[in-house]
Each structure stands twice: as structure tokens, then as C-alpha cells.
Protein backbone atom coordinates (compact mmCIF):
# COMPACT_ATOMS: atom_id res chain seq x y z
CA MET A 1 -41.19 -43.92 -33.76
CA ARG A 2 -39.30 -45.89 -31.14
CA VAL A 3 -35.35 -45.31 -30.54
CA ARG A 4 -33.52 -47.94 -28.59
CA CYS A 5 -29.89 -47.44 -27.68
CA GLN A 6 -28.17 -50.74 -26.43
CA LYS A 7 -24.64 -51.29 -25.68
CA GLU A 8 -23.53 -55.12 -25.41
CA GLY A 9 -24.05 -56.39 -22.19
CA MET A 10 -26.01 -53.22 -20.75
CA PRO A 11 -29.70 -52.86 -20.51
CA SER A 12 -31.52 -50.80 -23.13
CA MET A 13 -33.24 -47.43 -23.29
CA ASP A 14 -36.04 -46.62 -24.85
CA MET A 15 -37.38 -43.41 -26.06
CA GLN A 16 -40.99 -43.30 -27.94
CA PHE A 17 -42.03 -40.43 -29.74
CA ARG A 18 -44.06 -39.14 -33.00
CA PHE A 19 -42.09 -37.81 -35.75
CA ASP A 20 -44.44 -36.89 -38.80
CA SER A 21 -41.56 -36.21 -41.53
CA PRO A 22 -40.25 -38.08 -44.55
CA HIS A 23 -36.96 -37.59 -43.50
CA ALA A 24 -36.91 -39.24 -40.15
CA GLY A 25 -34.69 -41.86 -40.93
CA GLU A 26 -31.95 -39.33 -41.72
CA PHE A 27 -32.81 -37.07 -38.94
CA PHE A 28 -32.42 -39.93 -36.57
CA ALA A 29 -29.24 -41.26 -37.64
CA THR A 30 -28.15 -38.15 -36.87
CA LEU A 31 -29.27 -38.57 -33.16
CA GLY A 32 -27.57 -41.72 -32.49
CA THR A 33 -24.60 -40.34 -31.01
CA ASP A 34 -26.49 -38.24 -28.90
CA TYR A 35 -28.52 -41.08 -27.73
CA THR A 36 -25.90 -43.39 -27.17
CA ARG A 37 -24.32 -40.36 -25.22
CA LEU A 38 -27.23 -39.80 -23.07
CA ALA A 39 -27.38 -43.98 -22.30
CA GLU A 40 -23.99 -43.34 -20.95
CA ARG A 41 -24.50 -40.42 -19.03
CA ARG A 42 -27.66 -42.04 -17.28
CA ARG A 43 -25.97 -45.30 -16.56
CA ARG A 44 -22.71 -43.22 -15.04
CA VAL A 45 -25.32 -41.34 -12.78
CA PHE A 46 -27.14 -44.11 -11.45
CA ALA A 47 -23.76 -45.93 -10.84
CA LEU A 48 -22.80 -43.39 -8.75
CA ILE A 49 -26.31 -43.20 -7.08
CA ARG A 50 -25.80 -47.10 -6.18
CA GLU A 51 -22.39 -46.27 -5.02
CA TYR A 52 -23.75 -42.95 -2.94
CA HIS A 53 -26.19 -45.03 -1.19
CA ARG A 54 -23.80 -47.98 0.05
CA ALA A 55 -21.29 -45.61 1.21
CA VAL A 56 -24.75 -43.62 3.27
CA ALA A 57 -25.28 -47.35 4.77
CA LEU A 58 -21.48 -47.77 6.07
CA PRO A 59 -21.18 -46.92 9.65
CA HIS A 60 -18.50 -44.58 8.87
CA GLY A 61 -19.04 -43.97 5.33
CA LEU A 62 -20.81 -40.57 5.48
CA ASN A 63 -17.44 -38.75 4.18
CA ASP A 64 -17.12 -40.93 1.01
CA ALA A 65 -20.68 -40.27 0.61
CA LEU A 66 -20.36 -36.53 0.19
CA ARG A 67 -17.48 -37.23 -1.87
CA ILE A 68 -19.95 -39.27 -4.12
CA LEU A 69 -22.34 -36.49 -4.32
CA GLY A 70 -19.68 -34.12 -5.10
CA ALA A 71 -19.06 -36.51 -8.09
CA ILE A 72 -22.73 -36.91 -9.04
CA LEU A 73 -23.30 -32.99 -9.28
CA PRO A 74 -20.94 -32.21 -12.38
CA CYS A 75 -22.26 -36.18 -13.61
CA SER A 76 -26.22 -34.96 -13.63
CA GLY A 77 -25.26 -31.70 -14.99
CA ALA A 78 -23.70 -33.24 -18.12
CA TYR A 79 -26.51 -36.02 -18.20
CA PHE A 80 -29.41 -33.21 -18.25
CA SER A 81 -27.43 -31.21 -20.59
CA VAL A 82 -27.69 -34.35 -23.12
CA VAL A 83 -31.13 -34.59 -22.14
CA GLU A 84 -32.11 -31.08 -22.60
CA SER A 85 -30.02 -31.08 -26.31
CA LEU A 86 -31.97 -33.96 -27.62
CA LEU A 87 -35.36 -32.39 -26.18
CA ASP A 88 -34.60 -29.31 -28.10
CA LYS A 89 -34.00 -31.57 -31.39
CA LEU A 90 -36.94 -33.65 -30.96
CA THR A 91 -39.93 -31.68 -29.76
CA ALA A 92 -41.24 -28.31 -30.76
CA ALA A 93 -41.35 -27.47 -26.98
CA GLY A 94 -37.82 -27.89 -26.40
CA SER A 95 -36.23 -28.67 -23.26
CA ALA A 96 -37.79 -25.44 -21.68
CA PRO A 97 -40.45 -27.53 -19.61
CA HIS A 98 -37.69 -29.82 -18.37
CA ARG A 99 -35.08 -27.04 -17.77
CA ASP A 100 -36.67 -25.51 -14.86
CA ALA A 101 -36.95 -28.92 -13.02
CA HIS A 102 -33.34 -30.01 -13.89
CA ARG A 103 -31.51 -26.87 -12.49
CA ARG A 104 -34.06 -27.42 -9.19
CA ILE A 105 -32.87 -30.88 -8.54
CA LEU A 106 -29.07 -29.76 -9.55
CA ALA A 107 -29.40 -27.02 -6.71
CA GLU A 108 -30.93 -29.13 -3.96
CA MET A 109 -28.09 -31.37 -4.18
CA ARG A 110 -25.31 -28.37 -4.21
CA GLU A 111 -27.27 -26.77 -1.05
CA THR A 112 -27.19 -30.21 0.65
CA LEU A 113 -23.24 -30.77 -0.45
CA ASP A 114 -22.30 -27.64 0.72
CA ARG A 115 -24.54 -27.84 4.08
CA TRP A 116 -22.88 -31.11 5.29
CA SER A 117 -19.22 -30.34 3.58
CA ALA A 118 -19.28 -27.06 6.30
CA PRO A 119 -16.04 -27.68 8.19
CA ASP A 120 -18.15 -27.32 11.49
CA ALA A 121 -21.15 -29.97 10.08
CA LYS A 122 -21.45 -33.24 11.42
CA PRO A 123 -23.17 -35.31 8.33
CA LYS A 124 -26.09 -37.41 9.36
CA ALA A 125 -27.01 -40.49 7.62
CA PRO A 126 -30.80 -40.08 8.22
CA GLU A 127 -30.65 -36.62 6.14
CA LEU A 128 -27.92 -37.94 3.54
CA ALA A 129 -29.70 -40.82 2.65
CA HIS A 130 -32.74 -38.65 1.12
CA ALA A 131 -30.40 -36.30 -0.51
CA LEU A 132 -30.78 -37.90 -4.19
CA ASP A 133 -34.39 -38.30 -3.92
CA ALA A 134 -35.51 -35.60 -6.37
CA LEU A 135 -33.24 -36.98 -8.95
CA VAL A 136 -34.11 -40.31 -8.26
CA MET A 137 -37.67 -39.75 -8.20
CA HIS A 138 -37.64 -37.27 -11.19
CA GLU A 139 -35.68 -40.62 -13.18
CA ALA A 140 -38.26 -43.07 -12.01
CA ALA A 141 -41.14 -40.47 -13.14
CA ILE A 142 -39.86 -40.74 -16.84
CA ARG A 143 -39.47 -44.14 -16.74
CA LEU A 144 -42.73 -45.27 -15.45
CA ARG A 145 -44.19 -43.76 -18.58
CA GLY A 146 -45.20 -47.21 -19.78
CA ALA A 147 -45.13 -48.53 -23.57
CA GLY A 148 -49.04 -47.56 -23.91
CA ASP A 149 -48.39 -44.14 -23.09
CA PRO A 150 -49.27 -41.86 -25.94
CA ALA A 151 -45.89 -40.40 -27.21
CA PRO A 152 -45.48 -36.54 -27.66
CA ARG A 153 -46.12 -35.52 -31.08
CA VAL A 154 -43.63 -33.19 -32.65
């Protein structure tokens, strides 16, 4: 089954999986709101990531980059919470396989923010430029799973 979420003027998000149940239609109708929330939170996280990378690239944008990184943390946490909630509803394994990765990514970002926000710190663009690599790579790995890949069985 393929679930698609699209808001007018925005690209769609696509999740694929198998769901062997005669009540699949009813079940997925209840997930529509969660899935829309997931798409909206993901768009917000990636809008902040773009803003962050622009700030890091500016000659005097490192303090703005740290402020944006501070905003990315709770947005990413909220996004991961929605992902985990959906996984708990959709798969037998639930979100357990992903939860540790999510917590590690958030901890890495928090550590970077704390280190470079300290009063005596002098933020460096090369290090800040890679502060979001784990988050971006995690999301890229999800997006790279092509339409031809087998969907997880529920």
C-alpha cells in the first residue's frame, strides 16, 4: 500500500509498506492526520536546515547559525516523535529500531550547540558546516529507498 501526502503547492511525501488487513482503509483514514503532521514537520526541519547552511556560509553568520541550530533541535525532536508514533502504529517492530538513531542524532546536535554556544567559544564555519550531517544523512537514507524496494511487512 502506498500512502501519499501532498499539500497544495508542496511536493508530496511517499511511504510504502504492506498491510494485510481487510480493514486497511479504515485504519489508514485515521492515520491521515498523523501523516500530514509528519510531512509538515519534515518540511519545517528542512527549511531550517537550508536557513542554517546559508547562515554558516555568510562571513558573519555563525551566531545566526547557532541560533538556528537551537531551533532545529526541538523541531527535529518533534519530527522524530511523529515518525516514531507512526512506526509504532504501522509496524510490528515499532519505532525501537529507529529510536536510538534519533536520540543519537539529537545528542550530537545538542553537543555541537552546547560546545559552540559557550561564552568563551569561537565558532568555526568548517565545524559548524557539518553539524547537521547525521540528520541529513539519516533522512537521505530514507529517501533513497526507491519505489522498487520491497516494502516492510506489517
